[in-house]
Amino acid sequence: MRLQGPVDLAARALLGQRLVREGVTLRITEVEAYGGPGDSASHARHGRTPRNAPMWGPPGHAYLYFCYGMHWMLNVVTGPEGEPSAVLIRGAEVLEGLETVLARRRASQATAQLCAGPGKVAQALGLDGTFGGHDLLIPGGLELRPGPPPVRVLAGPRLGIAFATPGDQARPWRFADADSRAVLQRKALDPG
């Protein structure tokens, strides 16, 4: 599994990988790449802070942040230690543990959109800020495991970054499994 390297390549490589915790297995279907201080859409744009410190590595660790005072968001750190970058997990499909996911999401039935959205992914896995800095590559807690990559990948601009420069807003750093229905705003994506 390629985690260290250019963040856009690491993001594409995360598609199809598995996130596992407490009997729940999710298959990653949609991601967004965020670079270091030069990426105006990145949390690293203003330098290292207590909140974003996990972005500085090592690769394979979790970076979680609380968004809109409502949702935890899971990111996988990808840069070499000292060089911040992370990949936001935007969407996933449930492979195992559907009943647990339904309970955590307070949903009555499974739909294609059950884990389409970064807040939904973290909720399905039962995550909170205590997982910040967690090593995803060792057994226990939250694990990132290998899985087959998608056959076709879509790419397009990242979502929810109106504050970024026009160039960074247009950067095609959102990637998705073209054959999955657990993808948000699919029409904004092109074959990558």
N, C-alpha and C. Protein backbone atom coordinates (compact mmCIF):
# COMPACT_ATOMS: atom_id res chain seq x y z
N MET A 1 0.85 -1.17 0.00
CA MET A 1 0.00 0.00 0.00
C MET A 1 0.90 1.24 0.00
N ARG A 2 0.71 2.08 -0.98
CA ARG A 2 1.56 3.27 -1.10
C ARG A 2 0.94 4.42 -0.31
N LEU A 3 1.58 4.82 0.78
CA LEU A 3 1.09 5.94 1.57
C LEU A 3 2.03 7.14 1.51
N GLN A 4 3.31 6.88 1.45
CA GLN A 4 4.25 7.99 1.41
C GLN A 4 4.54 8.35 -0.03
N GLY A 5 4.57 9.63 -0.31
CA GLY A 5 4.86 10.10 -1.66
C GLY A 5 3.96 11.27 -2.00
N PRO A 6 3.93 11.68 -3.25
CA PRO A 6 3.05 12.79 -3.62
C PRO A 6 1.62 12.49 -3.16
N VAL A 7 0.99 13.47 -2.51
CA VAL A 7 -0.29 13.24 -1.87
C VAL A 7 -1.39 12.83 -2.85
N ASP A 8 -1.33 13.33 -4.08
CA ASP A 8 -2.37 12.94 -5.04
C ASP A 8 -2.25 11.46 -5.42
N LEU A 9 -1.03 10.96 -5.54
CA LEU A 9 -0.84 9.54 -5.85
C LEU A 9 -1.22 8.66 -4.66
N ALA A 10 -0.87 9.13 -3.46
CA ALA A 10 -1.26 8.39 -2.26
C ALA A 10 -2.78 8.34 -2.13
N ALA A 11 -3.45 9.44 -2.47
CA ALA A 11 -4.91 9.47 -2.40
C ALA A 11 -5.53 8.44 -3.33
N ARG A 12 -5.07 8.40 -4.56
CA ARG A 12 -5.60 7.40 -5.51
C ARG A 12 -5.36 5.98 -5.02
N ALA A 13 -4.19 5.77 -4.40
CA ALA A 13 -3.84 4.43 -3.92
C ALA A 13 -4.72 3.99 -2.75
N LEU A 14 -5.34 4.93 -2.03
CA LEU A 14 -6.21 4.58 -0.91
C LEU A 14 -7.57 4.06 -1.37
N LEU A 15 -7.96 4.36 -2.60
CA LEU A 15 -9.24 3.85 -3.09
C LEU A 15 -9.22 2.33 -3.11
N GLY A 16 -10.25 1.73 -2.55
CA GLY A 16 -10.36 0.28 -2.49
C GLY A 16 -9.78 -0.33 -1.22
N GLN A 17 -8.98 0.44 -0.47
CA GLN A 17 -8.41 -0.07 0.77
C GLN A 17 -9.52 -0.20 1.82
N ARG A 18 -9.24 -0.94 2.87
CA ARG A 18 -10.23 -1.22 3.91
C ARG A 18 -9.89 -0.47 5.19
N LEU A 19 -10.93 0.06 5.83
CA LEU A 19 -10.82 0.60 7.18
C LEU A 19 -11.57 -0.34 8.10
N VAL A 20 -10.93 -0.79 9.17
CA VAL A 20 -11.50 -1.82 10.04
C VAL A 20 -11.45 -1.35 11.50
N ARG A 21 -12.60 -1.50 12.18
CA ARG A 21 -12.67 -1.21 13.61
C ARG A 21 -13.89 -1.89 14.22
N GLU A 22 -13.66 -2.63 15.29
CA GLU A 22 -14.72 -3.24 16.10
C GLU A 22 -15.79 -3.94 15.27
N GLY A 23 -15.35 -4.84 14.38
CA GLY A 23 -16.28 -5.63 13.59
C GLY A 23 -16.85 -4.93 12.37
N VAL A 24 -16.46 -3.69 12.15
CA VAL A 24 -16.91 -2.94 10.97
C VAL A 24 -15.77 -2.88 9.97
N THR A 25 -16.06 -3.20 8.71
CA THR A 25 -15.09 -3.05 7.63
C THR A 25 -15.71 -2.18 6.55
N LEU A 26 -15.03 -1.09 6.22
CA LEU A 26 -15.47 -0.20 5.16
C LEU A 26 -14.46 -0.24 4.02
N ARG A 27 -14.96 -0.18 2.80
CA ARG A 27 -14.12 -0.08 1.61
C ARG A 27 -14.11 1.37 1.15
N ILE A 28 -12.95 1.98 1.04
CA ILE A 28 -12.82 3.39 0.69
C ILE A 28 -13.22 3.60 -0.78
N THR A 29 -14.16 4.53 -1.01
CA THR A 29 -14.67 4.79 -2.36
C THR A 29 -14.40 6.22 -2.85
N GLU A 30 -14.10 7.12 -1.95
CA GLU A 30 -13.89 8.52 -2.35
C GLU A 30 -12.92 9.18 -1.38
N VAL A 31 -11.97 9.96 -1.93
CA VAL A 31 -10.94 10.62 -1.12
C VAL A 31 -10.64 12.00 -1.69
N GLU A 32 -9.99 12.82 -0.86
CA GLU A 32 -9.46 14.11 -1.32
C GLU A 32 -8.06 14.28 -0.77
N ALA A 33 -7.16 14.79 -1.61
CA ALA A 33 -5.76 15.00 -1.22
C ALA A 33 -5.55 16.43 -0.75
N TYR A 34 -4.76 16.59 0.31
CA TYR A 34 -4.42 17.91 0.83
C TYR A 34 -2.92 17.95 1.10
N GLY A 35 -2.26 18.92 0.46
CA GLY A 35 -0.81 19.05 0.58
C GLY A 35 -0.39 19.88 1.77
N GLY A 36 0.82 20.40 1.69
CA GLY A 36 1.40 21.15 2.79
C GLY A 36 1.08 22.64 2.74
N PRO A 37 1.97 23.46 3.30
CA PRO A 37 1.72 24.90 3.39
C PRO A 37 1.45 25.57 2.04
N GLY A 38 1.91 25.01 0.95
CA GLY A 38 1.67 25.60 -0.37
C GLY A 38 0.29 25.33 -0.93
N ASP A 39 -0.49 24.50 -0.27
CA ASP A 39 -1.86 24.18 -0.70
C ASP A 39 -2.81 25.02 0.15
N SER A 40 -3.41 26.06 -0.44
CA SER A 40 -4.25 26.98 0.33
C SER A 40 -5.53 26.34 0.84
N ALA A 41 -5.84 25.12 0.41
CA ALA A 41 -7.01 24.39 0.91
C ALA A 41 -6.66 23.49 2.09
N SER A 42 -5.38 23.37 2.39
CA SER A 42 -4.91 22.44 3.41
C SER A 42 -4.92 23.06 4.81
N HIS A 43 -5.14 22.24 5.82
CA HIS A 43 -5.02 22.70 7.20
C HIS A 43 -3.57 23.06 7.54
N ALA A 44 -2.64 22.65 6.72
CA ALA A 44 -1.23 22.97 6.97
C ALA A 44 -0.84 24.34 6.41
N ARG A 45 -1.76 25.05 5.78
CA ARG A 45 -1.43 26.31 5.11
C ARG A 45 -0.89 27.39 6.05
N HIS A 46 -1.25 27.34 7.34
CA HIS A 46 -0.79 28.34 8.30
C HIS A 46 0.30 27.80 9.22
N GLY A 47 0.85 26.64 8.87
CA GLY A 47 1.90 26.05 9.69
C GLY A 47 1.36 25.06 10.70
N ARG A 48 2.28 24.54 11.49
CA ARG A 48 1.94 23.50 12.46
C ARG A 48 1.23 24.11 13.68
N THR A 49 0.15 23.46 14.09
CA THR A 49 -0.61 23.86 15.27
C THR A 49 -0.92 22.60 16.08
N PRO A 50 -1.38 22.74 17.32
CA PRO A 50 -1.76 21.54 18.06
C PRO A 50 -2.84 20.74 17.34
N ARG A 51 -3.76 21.42 16.65
CA ARG A 51 -4.85 20.73 15.96
C ARG A 51 -4.34 19.89 14.79
N ASN A 52 -3.45 20.46 13.97
CA ASN A 52 -3.04 19.77 12.74
C ASN A 52 -1.71 19.04 12.87
N ALA A 53 -1.13 18.97 14.06
CA ALA A 53 0.19 18.35 14.25
C ALA A 53 0.31 16.95 13.65
N PRO A 54 -0.74 16.10 13.70
CA PRO A 54 -0.59 14.77 13.09
C PRO A 54 -0.30 14.81 11.59
N MET A 55 -0.64 15.90 10.90
CA MET A 55 -0.38 15.97 9.46
C MET A 55 1.11 15.91 9.14
N TRP A 56 1.95 16.23 10.12
CA TRP A 56 3.39 16.25 9.90
C TRP A 56 4.02 14.87 10.00
N GLY A 57 3.21 13.85 10.09
CA GLY A 57 3.71 12.50 10.00
C GLY A 57 3.91 11.83 11.33
N PRO A 58 4.29 10.59 11.24
CA PRO A 58 4.69 9.82 10.06
C PRO A 58 3.50 9.37 9.22
N PRO A 59 3.79 8.91 7.99
CA PRO A 59 2.71 8.42 7.13
C PRO A 59 2.05 7.18 7.73
N GLY A 60 0.77 7.02 7.39
CA GLY A 60 0.03 5.88 7.89
C GLY A 60 -0.65 6.12 9.22
N HIS A 61 -0.57 7.36 9.71
CA HIS A 61 -1.24 7.72 10.95
C HIS A 61 -2.53 8.48 10.63
N ALA A 62 -3.43 8.55 11.60
CA ALA A 62 -4.71 9.23 11.43
C ALA A 62 -4.60 10.69 11.84
N TYR A 63 -5.26 11.54 11.09
CA TYR A 63 -5.46 12.94 11.46
C TYR A 63 -6.96 13.16 11.48
N LEU A 64 -7.51 13.45 12.65
CA LEU A 64 -8.94 13.71 12.78
C LEU A 64 -9.16 15.15 13.20
N TYR A 65 -10.21 15.75 12.67
CA TYR A 65 -10.59 17.09 13.10
C TYR A 65 -12.11 17.16 13.17
N PHE A 66 -12.57 18.09 13.98
CA PHE A 66 -14.00 18.28 14.21
C PHE A 66 -14.47 19.39 13.28
N CYS A 67 -15.48 19.12 12.49
CA CYS A 67 -15.93 20.05 11.46
C CYS A 67 -17.34 20.56 11.78
N TYR A 68 -17.52 21.86 11.66
CA TYR A 68 -18.82 22.51 11.88
C TYR A 68 -19.40 22.21 13.25
N GLY A 69 -18.56 21.85 14.21
CA GLY A 69 -19.04 21.53 15.54
C GLY A 69 -19.96 20.32 15.60
N MET A 70 -19.90 19.48 14.54
CA MET A 70 -20.82 18.36 14.44
C MET A 70 -20.19 17.03 14.07
N HIS A 71 -19.20 17.04 13.17
CA HIS A 71 -18.72 15.80 12.56
C HIS A 71 -17.21 15.66 12.71
N TRP A 72 -16.77 14.45 13.06
CA TRP A 72 -15.35 14.13 12.99
C TRP A 72 -15.03 13.74 11.55
N MET A 73 -13.84 14.11 11.10
CA MET A 73 -13.38 13.81 9.75
C MET A 73 -12.06 13.05 9.84
N LEU A 74 -12.00 11.91 9.16
CA LEU A 74 -10.81 11.05 9.17
C LEU A 74 -9.95 11.33 7.96
N ASN A 75 -8.66 11.55 8.23
CA ASN A 75 -7.65 11.71 7.19
C ASN A 75 -6.53 10.71 7.44
N VAL A 76 -5.92 10.26 6.37
CA VAL A 76 -4.74 9.39 6.45
C VAL A 76 -3.53 10.25 6.09
N VAL A 77 -2.56 10.32 6.99
CA VAL A 77 -1.34 11.10 6.77
C VAL A 77 -0.48 10.38 5.74
N THR A 78 0.06 11.15 4.78
CA THR A 78 0.79 10.52 3.68
C THR A 78 2.19 11.07 3.47
N GLY A 79 2.49 12.24 3.98
CA GLY A 79 3.80 12.82 3.72
C GLY A 79 4.89 12.18 4.55
N PRO A 80 6.14 12.28 4.10
CA PRO A 80 7.22 11.82 4.95
C PRO A 80 7.25 12.68 6.21
N GLU A 81 7.75 12.13 7.28
CA GLU A 81 7.75 12.84 8.55
C GLU A 81 8.36 14.23 8.38
N GLY A 82 7.65 15.24 8.88
CA GLY A 82 8.11 16.62 8.77
C GLY A 82 7.54 17.37 7.59
N GLU A 83 6.91 16.68 6.65
CA GLU A 83 6.31 17.32 5.47
C GLU A 83 4.82 17.01 5.47
N PRO A 84 3.99 18.00 5.84
CA PRO A 84 2.57 17.72 6.04
C PRO A 84 1.80 17.44 4.76
N SER A 85 1.00 16.39 4.81
CA SER A 85 0.00 16.11 3.78
C SER A 85 -0.89 15.01 4.33
N ALA A 86 -2.13 15.02 3.88
CA ALA A 86 -3.08 14.02 4.36
C ALA A 86 -4.19 13.85 3.33
N VAL A 87 -4.86 12.71 3.42
CA VAL A 87 -5.95 12.38 2.50
C VAL A 87 -7.23 12.23 3.31
N LEU A 88 -8.22 13.05 2.99
CA LEU A 88 -9.52 12.98 3.63
C LEU A 88 -10.29 11.79 3.07
N ILE A 89 -10.83 10.96 3.94
CA ILE A 89 -11.67 9.84 3.50
C ILE A 89 -13.09 10.38 3.36
N ARG A 90 -13.54 10.56 2.12
CA ARG A 90 -14.83 11.19 1.84
C ARG A 90 -15.98 10.21 1.75
N GLY A 91 -15.71 8.96 1.39
CA GLY A 91 -16.81 8.02 1.23
C GLY A 91 -16.34 6.58 1.32
N ALA A 92 -17.29 5.70 1.65
CA ALA A 92 -16.97 4.28 1.79
C ALA A 92 -18.22 3.43 1.65
N GLU A 93 -18.00 2.16 1.41
CA GLU A 93 -19.06 1.16 1.37
C GLU A 93 -18.88 0.22 2.54
N VAL A 94 -19.97 -0.24 3.12
CA VAL A 94 -19.91 -1.17 4.24
C VAL A 94 -19.72 -2.59 3.70
N LEU A 95 -18.66 -3.26 4.13
CA LEU A 95 -18.42 -4.65 3.76
C LEU A 95 -18.81 -5.60 4.89
N GLU A 96 -18.59 -5.18 6.14
CA GLU A 96 -18.93 -5.98 7.31
C GLU A 96 -19.42 -5.06 8.42
N GLY A 97 -20.30 -5.59 9.26
CA GLY A 97 -20.75 -4.84 10.42
C GLY A 97 -21.88 -3.87 10.13
N LEU A 98 -22.74 -4.21 9.18
CA LEU A 98 -23.82 -3.30 8.78
C LEU A 98 -24.71 -2.90 9.96
N GLU A 99 -25.06 -3.84 10.81
CA GLU A 99 -25.94 -3.51 11.94
C GLU A 99 -25.29 -2.47 12.86
N THR A 100 -24.00 -2.61 13.10
CA THR A 100 -23.28 -1.65 13.93
C THR A 100 -23.26 -0.28 13.26
N VAL A 101 -23.01 -0.26 11.95
CA VAL A 101 -22.99 1.01 11.21
C VAL A 101 -24.36 1.67 11.25
N LEU A 102 -25.42 0.89 11.03
CA LEU A 102 -26.77 1.46 11.08
C LEU A 102 -27.04 2.07 12.45
N ALA A 103 -26.64 1.40 13.51
CA ALA A 103 -26.86 1.93 14.86
C ALA A 103 -26.05 3.21 15.08
N ARG A 104 -24.78 3.19 14.68
CA ARG A 104 -23.94 4.38 14.87
C ARG A 104 -24.44 5.56 14.05
N ARG A 105 -24.95 5.28 12.87
CA ARG A 105 -25.45 6.34 11.98
C ARG A 105 -26.90 6.70 12.28
N ARG A 106 -27.52 5.94 13.20
CA ARG A 106 -28.94 6.14 13.52
C ARG A 106 -29.80 6.07 12.25
N ALA A 107 -29.50 5.06 11.45
CA ALA A 107 -30.21 4.84 10.19
C ALA A 107 -31.04 3.57 10.30
N SER A 108 -32.16 3.54 9.60
CA SER A 108 -33.04 2.38 9.67
C SER A 108 -32.75 1.34 8.60
N GLN A 109 -32.10 1.78 7.50
CA GLN A 109 -31.81 0.84 6.43
C GLN A 109 -30.53 1.23 5.69
N ALA A 110 -29.95 0.24 5.04
CA ALA A 110 -28.74 0.47 4.26
C ALA A 110 -29.11 1.10 2.92
N THR A 111 -28.36 2.13 2.55
CA THR A 111 -28.50 2.75 1.24
C THR A 111 -27.09 2.95 0.68
N ALA A 112 -27.00 3.26 -0.60
CA ALA A 112 -25.70 3.51 -1.22
C ALA A 112 -25.00 4.71 -0.59
N GLN A 113 -25.77 5.63 -0.03
CA GLN A 113 -25.21 6.85 0.55
C GLN A 113 -24.97 6.74 2.07
N LEU A 114 -25.11 5.55 2.64
CA LEU A 114 -24.98 5.36 4.09
C LEU A 114 -23.66 5.92 4.62
N CYS A 115 -22.57 5.73 3.86
CA CYS A 115 -21.25 6.23 4.28
C CYS A 115 -20.64 7.13 3.20
N ALA A 116 -21.49 7.82 2.44
CA ALA A 116 -21.02 8.77 1.43
C ALA A 116 -20.98 10.14 2.07
N GLY A 117 -19.80 10.56 2.45
CA GLY A 117 -19.57 11.82 3.15
C GLY A 117 -18.60 11.57 4.28
N PRO A 118 -17.63 12.46 4.49
CA PRO A 118 -16.59 12.20 5.49
C PRO A 118 -17.10 12.09 6.91
N GLY A 119 -18.11 12.87 7.28
CA GLY A 119 -18.67 12.75 8.61
C GLY A 119 -19.34 11.41 8.83
N LYS A 120 -19.96 10.89 7.77
CA LYS A 120 -20.63 9.59 7.85
C LYS A 120 -19.62 8.46 8.03
N VAL A 121 -18.47 8.58 7.37
CA VAL A 121 -17.42 7.56 7.49
C VAL A 121 -16.94 7.47 8.94
N ALA A 122 -16.60 8.61 9.52
CA ALA A 122 -16.11 8.62 10.89
C ALA A 122 -17.18 8.12 11.86
N GLN A 123 -18.42 8.51 11.63
CA GLN A 123 -19.52 8.06 12.49
C GLN A 123 -19.70 6.55 12.37
N ALA A 124 -19.64 6.02 11.16
CA ALA A 124 -19.80 4.58 10.95
C ALA A 124 -18.73 3.78 11.68
N LEU A 125 -17.53 4.35 11.79
CA LEU A 125 -16.43 3.69 12.48
C LEU A 125 -16.39 4.00 13.97
N GLY A 126 -17.26 4.90 14.43
CA GLY A 126 -17.29 5.26 15.85
C GLY A 126 -16.06 6.04 16.27
N LEU A 127 -15.60 6.97 15.43
CA LEU A 127 -14.36 7.70 15.70
C LEU A 127 -14.62 9.03 16.39
N ASP A 128 -13.60 9.48 17.12
CA ASP A 128 -13.60 10.81 17.71
C ASP A 128 -12.14 11.26 17.79
N GLY A 129 -11.91 12.37 18.45
CA GLY A 129 -10.56 12.95 18.49
C GLY A 129 -9.51 12.09 19.15
N THR A 130 -9.91 11.09 19.92
CA THR A 130 -8.92 10.23 20.56
C THR A 130 -8.12 9.40 19.56
N PHE A 131 -8.61 9.33 18.31
CA PHE A 131 -7.89 8.57 17.28
C PHE A 131 -6.86 9.43 16.55
N GLY A 132 -6.76 10.70 16.88
CA GLY A 132 -5.75 11.56 16.26
C GLY A 132 -4.36 11.03 16.52
N GLY A 133 -3.57 10.86 15.48
CA GLY A 133 -2.22 10.33 15.59
C GLY A 133 -2.13 8.83 15.67
N HIS A 134 -3.28 8.13 15.66
CA HIS A 134 -3.29 6.67 15.76
C HIS A 134 -2.59 6.04 14.56
N ASP A 135 -1.75 5.05 14.80
CA ASP A 135 -1.06 4.32 13.73
C ASP A 135 -2.04 3.34 13.09
N LEU A 136 -2.41 3.61 11.86
CA LEU A 136 -3.40 2.80 11.15
C LEU A 136 -2.83 1.49 10.60
N LEU A 137 -1.52 1.34 10.68
CA LEU A 137 -0.89 0.17 10.06
C LEU A 137 -0.54 -0.93 11.05
N ILE A 138 -0.89 -0.74 12.32
CA ILE A 138 -0.67 -1.80 13.30
C ILE A 138 -2.02 -2.33 13.77
N PRO A 139 -2.07 -3.60 14.16
CA PRO A 139 -3.35 -4.17 14.61
C PRO A 139 -3.84 -3.49 15.89
N GLY A 140 -5.16 -3.37 15.97
CA GLY A 140 -5.79 -2.81 17.16
C GLY A 140 -6.35 -1.43 16.93
N GLY A 141 -7.50 -1.19 17.50
CA GLY A 141 -8.12 0.13 17.35
C GLY A 141 -8.70 0.31 15.97
N LEU A 142 -8.14 1.18 15.19
CA LEU A 142 -8.56 1.45 13.81
C LEU A 142 -7.43 1.02 12.88
N GLU A 143 -7.76 0.19 11.90
CA GLU A 143 -6.73 -0.34 11.00
C GLU A 143 -7.04 0.00 9.54
N LEU A 144 -6.00 0.26 8.79
CA LEU A 144 -6.08 0.40 7.34
C LEU A 144 -5.47 -0.86 6.75
N ARG A 145 -6.27 -1.60 5.98
CA ARG A 145 -5.81 -2.87 5.40
C ARG A 145 -5.89 -2.82 3.88
N PRO A 146 -5.05 -3.62 3.22
CA PRO A 146 -5.07 -3.64 1.76
C PRO A 146 -6.39 -4.15 1.20
N GLY A 147 -6.72 -3.67 0.03
CA GLY A 147 -7.90 -4.13 -0.70
C GLY A 147 -7.66 -3.87 -2.18
N PRO A 148 -8.41 -4.53 -3.05
CA PRO A 148 -8.18 -4.33 -4.48
C PRO A 148 -8.57 -2.93 -4.92
N PRO A 149 -7.76 -2.33 -5.79
CA PRO A 149 -8.09 -0.99 -6.27
C PRO A 149 -9.29 -1.03 -7.21
N PRO A 150 -9.96 0.10 -7.39
CA PRO A 150 -11.08 0.13 -8.33
C PRO A 150 -10.59 -0.06 -9.76
N VAL A 151 -11.48 -0.53 -10.60
CA VAL A 151 -11.15 -0.71 -12.02
C VAL A 151 -11.04 0.64 -12.72
N ARG A 152 -11.95 1.54 -12.38
CA ARG A 152 -11.96 2.88 -13.00
C ARG A 152 -12.01 3.93 -11.91
N VAL A 153 -11.25 5.03 -12.12
CA VAL A 153 -11.18 6.11 -11.14
C VAL A 153 -11.67 7.41 -11.78
N LEU A 154 -12.45 8.16 -11.02
CA LEU A 154 -12.88 9.49 -11.43
C LEU A 154 -12.07 10.52 -10.66
N ALA A 155 -11.86 11.70 -11.25
CA ALA A 155 -11.11 12.76 -10.58
C ALA A 155 -11.78 14.10 -10.85
N GLY A 156 -11.63 15.01 -9.91
CA GLY A 156 -12.19 16.34 -10.07
C GLY A 156 -11.80 17.23 -8.91
N PRO A 157 -12.33 18.46 -8.88
CA PRO A 157 -11.98 19.39 -7.81
C PRO A 157 -12.51 18.96 -6.46
N ARG A 158 -11.81 19.39 -5.42
CA ARG A 158 -12.21 19.10 -4.05
C ARG A 158 -13.45 19.92 -3.69
N LEU A 159 -14.16 19.45 -2.66
CA LEU A 159 -15.41 20.09 -2.24
C LEU A 159 -15.20 20.94 -0.99
N GLY A 160 -16.01 22.00 -0.85
CA GLY A 160 -16.05 22.78 0.38
C GLY A 160 -14.81 23.59 0.68
N ILE A 161 -14.12 24.08 -0.36
CA ILE A 161 -12.89 24.84 -0.13
C ILE A 161 -12.95 26.21 -0.79
N ALA A 162 -14.08 26.89 -0.67
CA ALA A 162 -14.26 28.20 -1.30
C ALA A 162 -13.24 29.23 -0.81
N PHE A 163 -12.64 29.03 0.35
CA PHE A 163 -11.64 29.93 0.91
C PHE A 163 -10.29 29.83 0.21
N ALA A 164 -10.06 28.75 -0.55
CA ALA A 164 -8.76 28.51 -1.19
C ALA A 164 -8.59 29.38 -2.43
N THR A 165 -7.36 29.47 -2.91
CA THR A 165 -7.09 30.22 -4.14
C THR A 165 -7.81 29.55 -5.31
N PRO A 166 -8.10 30.29 -6.38
CA PRO A 166 -8.77 29.67 -7.53
C PRO A 166 -8.02 28.46 -8.08
N GLY A 167 -6.69 28.53 -8.11
CA GLY A 167 -5.91 27.41 -8.61
C GLY A 167 -6.06 26.17 -7.76
N ASP A 168 -6.05 26.36 -6.45
CA ASP A 168 -6.21 25.22 -5.55
C ASP A 168 -7.65 24.71 -5.55
N GLN A 169 -8.62 25.59 -5.75
CA GLN A 169 -10.01 25.14 -5.87
C GLN A 169 -10.20 24.25 -7.09
N ALA A 170 -9.49 24.56 -8.17
CA ALA A 170 -9.65 23.81 -9.43
C ALA A 170 -8.81 22.54 -9.49
N ARG A 171 -7.86 22.41 -8.60
CA ARG A 171 -6.95 21.25 -8.61
C ARG A 171 -7.77 19.95 -8.54
N PRO A 172 -7.55 19.02 -9.46
CA PRO A 172 -8.34 17.78 -9.48
C PRO A 172 -7.84 16.73 -8.50
N TRP A 173 -7.97 17.03 -7.22
CA TRP A 173 -7.44 16.17 -6.17
C TRP A 173 -8.53 15.44 -5.40
N ARG A 174 -9.72 15.33 -5.97
CA ARG A 174 -10.75 14.45 -5.40
C ARG A 174 -10.84 13.25 -6.31
N PHE A 175 -10.76 12.06 -5.73
CA PHE A 175 -10.75 10.82 -6.51
C PHE A 175 -11.83 9.88 -5.99
N ALA A 176 -12.44 9.14 -6.93
CA ALA A 176 -13.52 8.24 -6.54
C ALA A 176 -13.54 7.00 -7.42
N ASP A 177 -14.06 5.93 -6.83
CA ASP A 177 -14.29 4.69 -7.56
C ASP A 177 -15.47 4.92 -8.51
N ALA A 178 -15.21 4.84 -9.79
CA ALA A 178 -16.24 5.13 -10.80
C ALA A 178 -17.41 4.16 -10.73
N ASP A 179 -17.21 3.00 -10.18
CA ASP A 179 -18.27 1.98 -10.15
C ASP A 179 -18.99 1.89 -8.81
N SER A 180 -18.69 2.82 -7.91
CA SER A 180 -19.36 2.82 -6.61
C SER A 180 -20.46 3.89 -6.57
N ARG A 181 -21.53 3.58 -5.88
CA ARG A 181 -22.60 4.56 -5.68
C ARG A 181 -22.36 5.38 -4.41
N ALA A 182 -21.36 5.03 -3.63
CA ALA A 182 -21.03 5.76 -2.41
C ALA A 182 -20.06 6.90 -2.72
N VAL A 183 -20.50 7.80 -3.61
CA VAL A 183 -19.69 8.94 -4.05
C VAL A 183 -20.60 10.16 -4.09
N LEU A 184 -20.13 11.27 -3.55
CA LEU A 184 -20.90 12.51 -3.55
C LEU A 184 -20.59 13.34 -4.80
N GLN A 185 -21.58 14.07 -5.27
CA GLN A 185 -21.42 15.00 -6.39
C GLN A 185 -20.61 14.40 -7.54
N ARG A 186 -21.03 13.25 -7.98
CA ARG A 186 -20.36 12.51 -9.04
C ARG A 186 -20.23 13.30 -10.35
N LYS A 187 -21.23 14.14 -10.64
CA LYS A 187 -21.24 14.87 -11.92
C LYS A 187 -20.05 15.82 -12.06
N ALA A 188 -19.44 16.21 -10.94
CA ALA A 188 -18.28 17.10 -10.98
C ALA A 188 -16.97 16.36 -11.23
N LEU A 189 -17.04 15.05 -11.41
CA LEU A 189 -15.84 14.22 -11.59
C LEU A 189 -15.76 13.72 -13.03
N ASP A 190 -14.53 13.56 -13.50
CA ASP A 190 -14.27 13.06 -14.85
C ASP A 190 -13.40 11.81 -14.75
N PRO A 191 -13.40 10.98 -15.81
CA PRO A 191 -12.48 9.84 -15.80
C PRO A 191 -11.05 10.33 -15.60
N GLY A 192 -10.39 9.76 -14.59
CA GLY A 192 -9.03 10.21 -14.24
C GLY A 192 -8.02 9.26 -14.77
